[in-house]
Amino acid sequence: MEEKITIDTLAGMMKKEFDGIGSRFDNVESEIKIIKATMVTKDYLDDKLADLRGDLVVLMRKEDTKVGKLIDVLKRRRVISEADTKEILAMEPFAKISV
């Protein structure tokens, strides 16, 4: 037959369950604190990406200088024509337009 549950028994069972849920919430809170402590902010990422972009532009300018020097050498040795020189120097990313 069915066993009747008293209010005290039911209250005890519910308290036990709620205590278990409370400890789980404590664990979740501590994990969130760890995540917050190690997570980077959008401002930090923006700064780092801007720094990286600046570094890449500097490297590209150095390479562009080397290519320009190589073009001068090839032009001086008459390996490439004046038209080829202008065409190459007009290319991106750092186009040199002669006036």
PDB file of N, CA and C in Angstrom:
ATOM      1  N   MET A   1       0.812  -1.170   0.000  1.00  0.00           N
ATOM      2  CA  MET A   1       0.000   0.000   0.000  1.00  0.00           C
ATOM      3  C   MET A   1       0.870   1.253   0.000  1.00  0.00           C
ATOM      4  N   GLU A   2       0.198   2.350  -0.251  1.00  0.00           N
ATOM      5  CA  GLU A   2       0.916   3.609  -0.322  1.00  0.00           C
ATOM      6  C   GLU A   2       1.358   4.059   1.054  1.00  0.00           C
ATOM      7  N   GLU A   3       2.554   4.563   1.076  1.00  0.00           N
ATOM      8  CA  GLU A   3       3.101   5.069   2.326  1.00  0.00           C
ATOM      9  C   GLU A   3       2.844   6.570   2.372  1.00  0.00           C
ATOM     10  N   LYS A   4       2.316   7.052   3.463  1.00  0.00           N
ATOM     11  CA  LYS A   4       2.021   8.481   3.588  1.00  0.00           C
ATOM     12  C   LYS A   4       3.270   9.202   4.087  1.00  0.00           C
ATOM     13  N   ILE A   5       3.520  10.338   3.470  1.00  0.00           N
ATOM     14  CA  ILE A   5       4.669  11.155   3.852  1.00  0.00           C
ATOM     15  C   ILE A   5       4.163  12.312   4.699  1.00  0.00           C
ATOM     16  N   THR A   6       4.796  12.468   5.833  1.00  0.00           N
ATOM     17  CA  THR A   6       4.400  13.567   6.715  1.00  0.00           C
ATOM     18  C   THR A   6       5.025  14.866   6.234  1.00  0.00           C
ATOM     19  N   ILE A   7       4.508  15.942   6.728  1.00  0.00           N
ATOM     20  CA  ILE A   7       5.024  17.259   6.360  1.00  0.00           C
ATOM     21  C   ILE A   7       6.470  17.403   6.815  1.00  0.00           C
ATOM     22  N   ASP A   8       6.796  16.873   7.984  1.00  0.00           N
ATOM     23  CA  ASP A   8       8.170  16.959   8.486  1.00  0.00           C
ATOM     24  C   ASP A   8       9.125  16.185   7.585  1.00  0.00           C
ATOM     25  N   THR A   9       8.704  15.015   7.142  1.00  0.00           N
ATOM     26  CA  THR A   9       9.546  14.208   6.256  1.00  0.00           C
ATOM     27  C   THR A   9       9.749  14.932   4.930  1.00  0.00           C
ATOM     28  N   LEU A  10       8.677  15.473   4.395  1.00  0.00           N
ATOM     29  CA  LEU A  10       8.757  16.212   3.135  1.00  0.00           C
ATOM     30  C   LEU A  10       9.654  17.439   3.288  1.00  0.00           C
ATOM     31  N   ALA A  11       9.519  18.150   4.402  1.00  0.00           N
ATOM     32  CA  ALA A  11      10.351  19.326   4.652  1.00  0.00           C
ATOM     33  C   ALA A  11      11.816  18.923   4.741  1.00  0.00           C
ATOM     34  N   GLY A  12      12.110  17.807   5.375  1.00  0.00           N
ATOM     35  CA  GLY A  12      13.488  17.322   5.480  1.00  0.00           C
ATOM     36  C   GLY A  12      14.058  16.968   4.117  1.00  0.00           C
ATOM     37  N   MET A  13      13.244  16.311   3.289  1.00  0.00           N
ATOM     38  CA  MET A  13      13.699  15.943   1.945  1.00  0.00           C
ATOM     39  C   MET A  13      13.969  17.195   1.100  1.00  0.00           C
ATOM     40  N   MET A  14      13.105  18.181   1.210  1.00  0.00           N
ATOM     41  CA  MET A  14      13.281  19.403   0.434  1.00  0.00           C
ATOM     42  C   MET A  14      14.508  20.180   0.899  1.00  0.00           C
ATOM     43  N   LYS A  15      14.730  20.208   2.218  1.00  0.00           N
ATOM     44  CA  LYS A  15      15.901  20.911   2.745  1.00  0.00           C
ATOM     45  C   LYS A  15      17.181  20.267   2.232  1.00  0.00           C
ATOM     46  N   LYS A  16      17.202  18.950   2.215  1.00  0.00           N
ATOM     47  CA  LYS A  16      18.379  18.222   1.736  1.00  0.00           C
ATOM     48  C   LYS A  16      18.652  18.571   0.267  1.00  0.00           C
ATOM     49  N   GLU A  17      17.607  18.609  -0.542  1.00  0.00           N
ATOM     50  CA  GLU A  17      17.764  18.946  -1.960  1.00  0.00           C
ATOM     51  C   GLU A  17      18.234  20.386  -2.137  1.00  0.00           C
ATOM     52  N   PHE A  18      17.634  21.311  -1.387  1.00  0.00           N
ATOM     53  CA  PHE A  18      18.029  22.713  -1.496  1.00  0.00           C
ATOM     54  C   PHE A  18      19.461  22.931  -1.021  1.00  0.00           C
ATOM     55  N   ASP A  19      19.896  22.197  -0.007  1.00  0.00           N
ATOM     56  CA  ASP A  19      21.284  22.300   0.441  1.00  0.00           C
ATOM     57  C   ASP A  19      22.229  21.847  -0.669  1.00  0.00           C
ATOM     58  N   GLY A  20      21.855  20.801  -1.379  1.00  0.00           N
ATOM     59  CA  GLY A  20      22.666  20.322  -2.504  1.00  0.00           C
ATOM     60  C   GLY A  20      22.748  21.350  -3.618  1.00  0.00           C
ATOM     61  N   ILE A  21      21.625  21.998  -3.881  1.00  0.00           N
ATOM     62  CA  ILE A  21      21.605  23.035  -4.918  1.00  0.00           C
ATOM     63  C   ILE A  21      22.468  24.215  -4.493  1.00  0.00           C
ATOM     64  N   GLY A  22      22.435  24.563  -3.223  1.00  0.00           N
ATOM     65  CA  GLY A  22      23.252  25.669  -2.722  1.00  0.00           C
ATOM     66  C   GLY A  22      24.735  25.417  -2.928  1.00  0.00           C
ATOM     67  N   SER A  23      25.182  24.200  -2.665  1.00  0.00           N
ATOM     68  CA  SER A  23      26.608  23.903  -2.855  1.00  0.00           C
ATOM     69  C   SER A  23      26.974  23.932  -4.339  1.00  0.00           C
ATOM     70  N   ARG A  24      26.042  23.530  -5.195  1.00  0.00           N
ATOM     71  CA  ARG A  24      26.309  23.599  -6.633  1.00  0.00           C
ATOM     72  C   ARG A  24      26.430  25.052  -7.086  1.00  0.00           C
ATOM     73  N   PHE A  25      25.576  25.935  -6.532  1.00  0.00           N
ATOM     74  CA  PHE A  25      25.683  27.355  -6.860  1.00  0.00           C
ATOM     75  C   PHE A  25      27.015  27.917  -6.387  1.00  0.00           C
ATOM     76  N   ASP A  26      27.484  27.489  -5.226  1.00  0.00           N
ATOM     77  CA  ASP A  26      28.784  27.944  -4.736  1.00  0.00           C
ATOM     78  C   ASP A  26      29.890  27.541  -5.705  1.00  0.00           C
ATOM     79  N   ASN A  27      29.821  26.316  -6.216  1.00  0.00           N
ATOM     80  CA  ASN A  27      30.821  25.856  -7.184  1.00  0.00           C
ATOM     81  C   ASN A  27      30.773  26.692  -8.462  1.00  0.00           C
ATOM     82  N   VAL A  28      29.567  26.972  -8.929  1.00  0.00           N
ATOM     83  CA  VAL A  28      29.422  27.779 -10.142  1.00  0.00           C
ATOM     84  C   VAL A  28      29.979  29.179  -9.916  1.00  0.00           C
ATOM     85  N   GLU A  29      29.703  29.768  -8.768  1.00  0.00           N
ATOM     86  CA  GLU A  29      30.219  31.105  -8.465  1.00  0.00           C
ATOM     87  C   GLU A  29      31.741  31.119  -8.441  1.00  0.00           C
ATOM     88  N   SER A  30      32.350  30.102  -7.853  1.00  0.00           N
ATOM     89  CA  SER A  30      33.813  30.072  -7.804  1.00  0.00           C
ATOM     90  C   SER A  30      34.396  29.883  -9.203  1.00  0.00           C
ATOM     91  N   GLU A  31      33.742  29.094 -10.048  1.00  0.00           N
ATOM     92  CA  GLU A  31      34.216  28.925 -11.420  1.00  0.00           C
ATOM     93  C   GLU A  31      34.085  30.224 -12.208  1.00  0.00           C
ATOM     94  N   ILE A  32      33.008  30.959 -11.990  1.00  0.00           N
ATOM     95  CA  ILE A  32      32.824  32.241 -12.675  1.00  0.00           C
ATOM     96  C   ILE A  32      33.898  33.229 -12.242  1.00  0.00           C
ATOM     97  N   LYS A  33      34.269  33.227 -10.971  1.00  0.00           N
ATOM     98  CA  LYS A  33      35.330  34.118 -10.495  1.00  0.00           C
ATOM     99  C   LYS A  33      36.648  33.798 -11.188  1.00  0.00           C
ATOM    100  N   ILE A  34      36.938  32.511 -11.362  1.00  0.00           N
ATOM    101  CA  ILE A  34      38.173  32.106 -12.041  1.00  0.00           C
ATOM    102  C   ILE A  34      38.143  32.566 -13.497  1.00  0.00           C
ATOM    103  N   ILE A  35      37.006  32.384 -14.148  1.00  0.00           N
ATOM    104  CA  ILE A  35      36.874  32.797 -15.547  1.00  0.00           C
ATOM    105  C   ILE A  35      37.047  34.307 -15.677  1.00  0.00           C
ATOM    106  N   LYS A  36      36.430  35.062 -14.790  1.00  0.00           N
ATOM    107  CA  LYS A  36      36.554  36.522 -14.833  1.00  0.00           C
ATOM    108  C   LYS A  36      37.996  36.960 -14.612  1.00  0.00           C
ATOM    109  N   ALA A  37      38.698  36.258 -13.742  1.00  0.00           N
ATOM    110  CA  ALA A  37      40.079  36.637 -13.435  1.00  0.00           C
ATOM    111  C   ALA A  37      41.002  36.409 -14.629  1.00  0.00           C
ATOM    112  N   THR A  38      40.708  35.406 -15.445  1.00  0.00           N
ATOM    113  CA  THR A  38      41.597  35.088 -16.562  1.00  0.00           C
ATOM    114  C   THR A  38      41.119  35.644 -17.899  1.00  0.00           C
ATOM    115  N   MET A  39      39.903  36.137 -17.962  1.00  0.00           N
ATOM    116  CA  MET A  39      39.342  36.622 -19.218  1.00  0.00           C
ATOM    117  C   MET A  39      39.893  38.004 -19.548  1.00  0.00           C
ATOM    118  N   VAL A  40      40.218  38.207 -20.838  1.00  0.00           N
ATOM    119  CA  VAL A  40      40.702  39.516 -21.262  1.00  0.00           C
ATOM    120  C   VAL A  40      39.513  40.391 -21.643  1.00  0.00           C
ATOM    121  N   THR A  41      39.747  41.689 -21.567  1.00  0.00           N
ATOM    122  CA  THR A  41      38.672  42.627 -21.894  1.00  0.00           C
ATOM    123  C   THR A  41      38.741  43.010 -23.372  1.00  0.00           C
ATOM    124  N   LYS A  42      37.675  43.597 -23.862  1.00  0.00           N
ATOM    125  CA  LYS A  42      37.633  44.051 -25.248  1.00  0.00           C
ATOM    126  C   LYS A  42      38.674  45.146 -25.468  1.00  0.00           C
ATOM    127  N   ASP A  43      38.836  46.043 -24.511  1.00  0.00           N
ATOM    128  CA  ASP A  43      39.833  47.109 -24.643  1.00  0.00           C
ATOM    129  C   ASP A  43      41.240  46.533 -24.767  1.00  0.00           C
ATOM    130  N   TYR A  44      41.537  45.508 -23.971  1.00  0.00           N
ATOM    131  CA  TYR A  44      42.847  44.863 -24.028  1.00  0.00           C
ATOM    132  C   TYR A  44      43.076  44.271 -25.415  1.00  0.00           C
ATOM    133  N   LEU A  45      42.066  43.558 -25.936  1.00  0.00           N
ATOM    134  CA  LEU A  45      42.196  42.962 -27.265  1.00  0.00           C
ATOM    135  C   LEU A  45      42.351  44.031 -28.341  1.00  0.00           C
ATOM    136  N   ASP A  46      41.589  45.112 -28.226  1.00  0.00           N
ATOM    137  CA  ASP A  46      41.701  46.201 -29.196  1.00  0.00           C
ATOM    138  C   ASP A  46      43.111  46.781 -29.198  1.00  0.00           C
ATOM    139  N   ASP A  47      43.672  46.996 -28.015  1.00  0.00           N
ATOM    140  CA  ASP A  47      45.034  47.531 -27.915  1.00  0.00           C
ATOM    141  C   ASP A  47      46.049  46.578 -28.535  1.00  0.00           C
ATOM    142  N   LYS A  48      45.920  45.301 -28.234  1.00  0.00           N
ATOM    143  CA  LYS A  48      46.865  44.319 -28.765  1.00  0.00           C
ATOM    144  C   LYS A  48      46.758  44.205 -30.282  1.00  0.00           C
ATOM    145  N   LEU A  49      45.532  44.241 -30.806  1.00  0.00           N
ATOM    146  CA  LEU A  49      45.353  44.180 -32.257  1.00  0.00           C
ATOM    147  C   LEU A  49      45.912  45.432 -32.935  1.00  0.00           C
ATOM    148  N   ALA A  50      45.751  46.580 -32.300  1.00  0.00           N
ATOM    149  CA  ALA A  50      46.313  47.815 -32.855  1.00  0.00           C
ATOM    150  C   ALA A  50      47.838  47.747 -32.861  1.00  0.00           C
ATOM    151  N   ASP A  51      48.427  47.223 -31.793  1.00  0.00           N
ATOM    152  CA  ASP A  51      49.885  47.056 -31.740  1.00  0.00           C
ATOM    153  C   ASP A  51      50.359  46.120 -32.846  1.00  0.00           C
ATOM    154  N   LEU A  52      49.652  45.021 -33.019  1.00  0.00           N
ATOM    155  CA  LEU A  52      50.018  44.049 -34.050  1.00  0.00           C
ATOM    156  C   LEU A  52      49.919  44.677 -35.435  1.00  0.00           C
ATOM    157  N   ARG A  53      48.859  45.432 -35.660  1.00  0.00           N
ATOM    158  CA  ARG A  53      48.689  46.090 -36.958  1.00  0.00           C
ATOM    159  C   ARG A  53      49.843  47.057 -37.213  1.00  0.00           C
ATOM    160  N   GLY A  54      50.226  47.810 -36.199  1.00  0.00           N
ATOM    161  CA  GLY A  54      51.350  48.731 -36.341  1.00  0.00           C
ATOM    162  C   GLY A  54      52.643  48.004 -36.658  1.00  0.00           C
ATOM    163  N   ASP A  55      52.884  46.891 -35.974  1.00  0.00           N
ATOM    164  CA  ASP A  55      54.090  46.098 -36.234  1.00  0.00           C
ATOM    165  C   ASP A  55      54.097  45.567 -37.661  1.00  0.00           C
ATOM    166  N   LEU A  56      52.942  45.119 -38.132  1.00  0.00           N
ATOM    167  CA  LEU A  56      52.855  44.597 -39.498  1.00  0.00           C
ATOM    168  C   LEU A  56      53.098  45.691 -40.533  1.00  0.00           C
ATOM    169  N   VAL A  57      52.594  46.885 -40.276  1.00  0.00           N
ATOM    170  CA  VAL A  57      52.821  47.996 -41.209  1.00  0.00           C
ATOM    171  C   VAL A  57      54.309  48.327 -41.274  1.00  0.00           C
ATOM    172  N   VAL A  58      54.977  48.336 -40.128  1.00  0.00           N
ATOM    173  CA  VAL A  58      56.420  48.612 -40.102  1.00  0.00           C
ATOM    174  C   VAL A  58      57.168  47.561 -40.912  1.00  0.00           C
ATOM    175  N   LEU A  59      56.832  46.295 -40.718  1.00  0.00           N
ATOM    176  CA  LEU A  59      57.494  45.226 -41.472  1.00  0.00           C
ATOM    177  C   LEU A  59      57.233  45.357 -42.970  1.00  0.00           C
ATOM    178  N   MET A  60      56.006  45.686 -43.333  1.00  0.00           N
ATOM    179  CA  MET A  60      55.680  45.835 -44.750  1.00  0.00           C
ATOM    180  C   MET A  60      56.423  47.015 -45.365  1.00  0.00           C
ATOM    181  N   ARG A  61      56.581  48.086 -44.609  1.00  0.00           N
ATOM    182  CA  ARG A  61      57.325  49.247 -45.131  1.00  0.00           C
ATOM    183  C   ARG A  61      58.796  48.886 -45.363  1.00  0.00           C
ATOM    184  N   LYS A  62      59.367  48.095 -44.457  1.00  0.00           N
ATOM    185  CA  LYS A  62      60.758  47.660 -44.645  1.00  0.00           C
ATOM    186  C   LYS A  62      60.885  46.820 -45.908  1.00  0.00           C
ATOM    187  N   GLU A  63      59.939  45.904 -46.104  1.00  0.00           N
ATOM    188  CA  GLU A  63      59.959  45.074 -47.308  1.00  0.00           C
ATOM    189  C   GLU A  63      59.746  45.927 -48.549  1.00  0.00           C
ATOM    190  N   ASP A  64      58.879  46.930 -48.457  1.00  0.00           N
ATOM    191  CA  ASP A  64      58.624  47.816 -49.584  1.00  0.00           C
ATOM    192  C   ASP A  64      59.893  48.582 -49.950  1.00  0.00           C
ATOM    193  N   THR A  65      60.652  48.980 -48.936  1.00  0.00           N
ATOM    194  CA  THR A  65      61.918  49.671 -49.182  1.00  0.00           C
ATOM    195  C   THR A  65      62.890  48.752 -49.909  1.00  0.00           C
ATOM    196  N   LYS A  66      62.937  47.496 -49.491  1.00  0.00           N
ATOM    197  CA  LYS A  66      63.829  46.532 -50.146  1.00  0.00           C
ATOM    198  C   LYS A  66      63.414  46.304 -51.595  1.00  0.00           C
ATOM    199  N   VAL A  67      62.127  46.186 -51.835  1.00  0.00           N
ATOM    200  CA  VAL A  67      61.638  45.983 -53.198  1.00  0.00           C
ATOM    201  C   VAL A  67      61.964  47.211 -54.049  1.00  0.00           C
ATOM    202  N   GLY A  68      61.786  48.394 -53.473  1.00  0.00           N
ATOM    203  CA  GLY A  68      62.125  49.621 -54.199  1.00  0.00           C
ATOM    204  C   GLY A  68      63.593  49.663 -54.580  1.00  0.00           C
ATOM    205  N   LYS A  69      64.443  49.271 -53.666  1.00  0.00           N
ATOM    206  CA  LYS A  69      65.883  49.234 -53.940  1.00  0.00           C
ATOM    207  C   LYS A  69      66.200  48.213 -55.030  1.00  0.00           C
ATOM    208  N   LEU A  70      65.563  47.054 -54.964  1.00  0.00           N
ATOM    209  CA  LEU A  70      65.764  46.022 -55.984  1.00  0.00           C
ATOM    210  C   LEU A  70      65.323  46.527 -57.355  1.00  0.00           C
ATOM    211  N   ILE A  71      64.200  47.232 -57.404  1.00  0.00           N
ATOM    212  CA  ILE A  71      63.717  47.791 -58.669  1.00  0.00           C
ATOM    213  C   ILE A  71      64.726  48.795 -59.223  1.00  0.00           C
ATOM    214  N   ASP A  72      65.292  49.633 -58.342  1.00  0.00           N
ATOM    215  CA  ASP A  72      66.310  50.596 -58.782  1.00  0.00           C
ATOM    216  C   ASP A  72      67.522  49.885 -59.379  1.00  0.00           C
ATOM    217  N   VAL A  73      67.970  48.827 -58.729  1.00  0.00           N
ATOM    218  CA  VAL A  73      69.127  48.073 -59.220  1.00  0.00           C
ATOM    219  C   VAL A  73      68.806  47.445 -60.575  1.00  0.00           C
ATOM    220  N   LEU A  74      67.631  46.828 -60.689  1.00  0.00           N
ATOM    221  CA  LEU A  74      67.255  46.193 -61.956  1.00  0.00           C
ATOM    222  C   LEU A  74      67.103  47.227 -63.074  1.00  0.00           C
ATOM    223  N   LYS A  75      66.589  48.392 -62.739  1.00  0.00           N
ATOM    224  CA  LYS A  75      66.437  49.457 -63.737  1.00  0.00           C
ATOM    225  C   LYS A  75      67.805  49.980 -64.169  1.00  0.00           C
ATOM    226  N   ARG A  76      68.695  50.178 -63.203  1.00  0.00           N
ATOM    227  CA  ARG A  76      70.042  50.673 -63.496  1.00  0.00           C
ATOM    228  C   ARG A  76      70.806  49.687 -64.382  1.00  0.00           C
ATOM    229  N   ARG A  77      70.603  48.409 -64.167  1.00  0.00           N
ATOM    230  CA  ARG A  77      71.281  47.379 -64.968  1.00  0.00           C
ATOM    231  C   ARG A  77      70.517  47.063 -66.260  1.00  0.00           C
ATOM    232  N   ARG A  78      69.473  47.804 -66.480  1.00  0.00           N
ATOM    233  CA  ARG A  78      68.639  47.691 -67.673  1.00  0.00           C
ATOM    234  C   ARG A  78      68.043  46.294 -67.846  1.00  0.00           C
ATOM    235  N   VAL A  79      67.646  45.713 -66.713  1.00  0.00           N
ATOM    236  CA  VAL A  79      66.942  44.427 -66.735  1.00  0.00           C
ATOM    237  C   VAL A  79      65.451  44.669 -66.933  1.00  0.00           C
ATOM    238  N   ILE A  80      64.963  45.776 -66.363  1.00  0.00           N
ATOM    239  CA  ILE A  80      63.557  46.144 -66.552  1.00  0.00           C
ATOM    240  C   ILE A  80      63.487  47.551 -67.134  1.00  0.00           C
ATOM    241  N   SER A  81      62.404  47.819 -67.836  1.00  0.00           N
ATOM    242  CA  SER A  81      62.243  49.118 -68.498  1.00  0.00           C
ATOM    243  C   SER A  81      61.676  50.156 -67.529  1.00  0.00           C
ATOM    244  N   GLU A  82      61.673  51.401 -68.005  1.00  0.00           N
ATOM    245  CA  GLU A  82      61.095  52.495 -67.213  1.00  0.00           C
ATOM    246  C   GLU A  82      59.601  52.265 -67.000  1.00  0.00           C
ATOM    247  N   ALA A  83      58.926  51.756 -68.019  1.00  0.00           N
ATOM    248  CA  ALA A  83      57.486  51.479 -67.906  1.00  0.00           C
ATOM    249  C   ALA A  83      57.228  50.394 -66.864  1.00  0.00           C
ATOM    250  N   ASP A  84      58.069  49.348 -66.881  1.00  0.00           N
ATOM    251  CA  ASP A  84      57.928  48.283 -65.875  1.00  0.00           C
ATOM    252  C   ASP A  84      58.161  48.835 -64.472  1.00  0.00           C
ATOM    253  N   THR A  85      59.150  49.707 -64.352  1.00  0.00           N
ATOM    254  CA  THR A  85      59.459  50.311 -63.055  1.00  0.00           C
ATOM    255  C   THR A  85      58.260  51.093 -62.527  1.00  0.00           C
ATOM    256  N   LYS A  86      57.665  51.920 -63.382  1.00  0.00           N
ATOM    257  CA  LYS A  86      56.506  52.709 -62.961  1.00  0.00           C
ATOM    258  C   LYS A  86      55.331  51.809 -62.603  1.00  0.00           C
ATOM    259  N   GLU A  87      55.137  50.771 -63.394  1.00  0.00           N
ATOM    260  CA  GLU A  87      54.020  49.850 -63.135  1.00  0.00           C
ATOM    261  C   GLU A  87      54.184  49.147 -61.789  1.00  0.00           C
ATOM    262  N   ILE A  88      55.392  48.689 -61.511  1.00  0.00           N
ATOM    263  CA  ILE A  88      55.643  47.983 -60.248  1.00  0.00           C
ATOM    264  C   ILE A  88      55.511  48.934 -59.061  1.00  0.00           C
ATOM    265  N   LEU A  89      56.075  50.123 -59.190  1.00  0.00           N
ATOM    266  CA  LEU A  89      56.029  51.083 -58.081  1.00  0.00           C
ATOM    267  C   LEU A  89      54.624  51.624 -57.833  1.00  0.00           C
ATOM    268  N   ALA A  90      53.740  51.529 -58.816  1.00  0.00           N
ATOM    269  CA  ALA A  90      52.368  52.005 -58.643  1.00  0.00           C
ATOM    270  C   ALA A  90      51.485  50.983 -57.933  1.00  0.00           C
ATOM    271  N   MET A  91      52.019  49.799 -57.675  1.00  0.00           N
ATOM    272  CA  MET A  91      51.233  48.741 -57.032  1.00  0.00           C
ATOM    273  C   MET A  91      51.074  49.008 -55.542  1.00  0.00           C
ATOM    274  N   GLU A  92      50.014  48.450 -54.984  1.00  0.00           N
ATOM    275  CA  GLU A  92      49.728  48.545 -53.554  1.00  0.00           C
ATOM    276  C   GLU A  92      50.695  47.657 -52.782  1.00  0.00           C
ATOM    277  N   PRO A  93      50.851  47.763 -51.501  1.00  0.00           N
ATOM    278  CA  PRO A  93      50.100  48.573 -50.564  1.00  0.00           C
ATOM    279  C   PRO A  93      50.647  49.982 -50.407  1.00  0.00           C
ATOM    280  N   PHE A  94      51.902  50.220 -50.815  1.00  0.00           N
ATOM    281  CA  PHE A  94      52.487  51.544 -50.640  1.00  0.00           C
ATOM    282  C   PHE A  94      52.881  52.083 -52.011  1.00  0.00           C
ATOM    283  N   ALA A  95      51.897  52.472 -52.768  1.00  0.00           N
ATOM    284  CA  ALA A  95      52.133  52.918 -54.139  1.00  0.00           C
ATOM    285  C   ALA A  95      52.944  54.206 -54.160  1.00  0.00           C
ATOM    286  N   LYS A  96      53.895  54.238 -55.104  1.00  0.00           N
ATOM    287  CA  LYS A  96      54.693  55.442 -55.317  1.00  0.00           C
ATOM    288  C   LYS A  96      54.294  55.973 -56.685  1.00  0.00           C
ATOM    289  N   ILE A  97      53.592  57.069 -56.681  1.00  0.00           N
ATOM    290  CA  ILE A  97      53.099  57.639 -57.929  1.00  0.00           C
ATOM    291  C   ILE A  97      54.037  58.761 -58.334  1.00  0.00           C
ATOM    292  N   SER A  98      54.617  58.623 -59.530  1.00  0.00           N
ATOM    293  CA  SER A  98      55.513  59.675 -59.999  1.00  0.00           C
ATOM    294  C   SER A  98      54.702  60.786 -60.643  1.00  0.00           C
ATOM    295  N   VAL A  99      55.137  62.000 -60.382  1.00  0.00           N
ATOM    296  CA  VAL A  99      54.408  63.165 -60.890  1.00  0.00           C
ATOM    297  C   VAL A  99      55.137  63.770 -62.045  1.00  0.00           C
TER     298      VAL A  99
END
